Amino acid sequence: MTQWPAAEVEIVNHSGARASYIVNVEFMDGDGTRHGEGLASSSDLDAGQKSVGRAQGLGKFTGKLTCRVAQVSRFPTR
């Protein structure tokens, strides 16, 4: 089956101030070969607030993939 890889990402603001986040997710096969990347983001999360986003890959793949968080960027907001 050919699929567009995607991952549901929960973003939680553990800081004490409002912030926005970008989460980079990598999609890999069983051998660890990278087959794409997706992004999930959330804007203006208050302290302790969380949201759920979807990191969507941009290429089709046949077979089973796993995902891992590659990077999280946090941007304080006012």
Protein backbone atom coordinates (compact mmCIF):
# COMPACT_ATOMS: atom_id res chain seq x y z
CA MET A 1 0.00 0.00 0.00
CA THR A 2 1.33 3.45 -0.93
CA GLN A 3 0.83 6.10 1.71
CA TRP A 4 1.66 9.69 2.56
CA PRO A 5 3.43 9.48 5.93
CA ALA A 6 1.95 11.53 8.77
CA ALA A 7 2.28 11.73 12.55
CA GLU A 8 0.02 13.18 15.20
CA VAL A 9 2.09 15.47 17.44
CA GLU A 10 1.10 16.73 20.88
CA ILE A 11 2.78 20.04 21.68
CA VAL A 12 2.85 21.08 25.35
CA ASN A 13 4.10 24.40 26.70
CA HIS A 14 6.00 23.41 29.86
CA SER A 15 7.43 26.90 30.33
CA GLY A 16 5.96 29.67 32.44
CA ALA A 17 5.33 32.02 29.50
CA ARG A 18 3.31 32.07 26.28
CA ALA A 19 5.19 30.55 23.31
CA SER A 20 4.84 29.21 19.77
CA TYR A 21 6.42 25.94 18.60
CA ILE A 22 7.56 24.21 15.41
CA VAL A 23 8.22 20.45 15.59
CA ASN A 24 10.22 18.67 12.85
CA VAL A 25 9.40 14.95 12.47
CA GLU A 26 11.45 12.47 10.39
CA PHE A 27 9.89 9.39 8.75
CA MET A 28 12.16 6.31 8.53
CA ASP A 29 11.93 2.71 7.37
CA GLY A 30 12.95 -0.31 9.45
CA ASP A 31 16.60 0.07 8.41
CA GLY A 32 16.73 3.66 9.65
CA THR A 33 16.73 5.18 6.16
CA ARG A 34 15.06 8.58 6.15
CA HIS A 35 12.13 8.90 3.73
CA GLY A 36 10.92 12.40 4.45
CA GLU A 37 10.13 15.03 7.01
CA GLY A 38 7.02 16.83 8.19
CA LEU A 39 6.27 19.84 10.37
CA ALA A 40 3.69 20.49 13.06
CA SER A 41 3.25 23.87 14.69
CA SER A 42 1.27 25.66 17.33
CA SER A 43 1.04 29.37 17.98
CA ASP A 44 0.55 31.33 21.18
CA LEU A 45 0.24 28.48 23.69
CA ASP A 46 -0.17 29.77 27.23
CA ALA A 47 1.86 28.24 30.06
CA GLY A 48 0.66 24.66 30.62
CA GLN A 49 -1.51 24.63 27.49
CA LYS A 50 -1.24 21.91 24.85
CA SER A 51 -2.38 21.34 21.29
CA VAL A 52 -2.37 18.47 18.82
CA GLY A 53 -1.08 18.92 15.27
CA ARG A 54 -0.30 16.77 12.26
CA ALA A 55 3.16 16.51 10.70
CA GLN A 56 2.56 15.50 7.07
CA GLY A 57 5.29 14.03 4.88
CA LEU A 58 5.50 15.24 1.29
CA GLY A 59 6.37 11.99 -0.52
CA LYS A 60 4.61 8.69 -1.07
CA PHE A 61 6.10 5.52 0.38
CA THR A 62 5.23 1.84 0.13
CA GLY A 63 5.84 -0.07 3.34
CA LYS A 64 6.03 0.53 7.05
CA LEU A 65 7.55 3.72 8.43
CA THR A 66 8.30 4.96 11.92
CA CYS A 67 8.77 8.53 13.01
CA ARG A 68 10.88 10.49 15.47
CA VAL A 69 11.05 14.07 16.60
CA ALA A 70 14.13 15.56 14.94
CA GLN A 71 13.95 19.09 16.32
CA VAL A 72 11.71 21.39 18.37
CA SER A 73 11.92 25.16 18.01
CA ARG A 74 10.33 27.40 20.66
CA PHE A 75 9.58 31.08 20.10
CA PRO A 76 8.44 33.23 23.03
CA THR A 77 5.39 35.37 22.20
CA ARG A 78 3.81 38.33 23.93
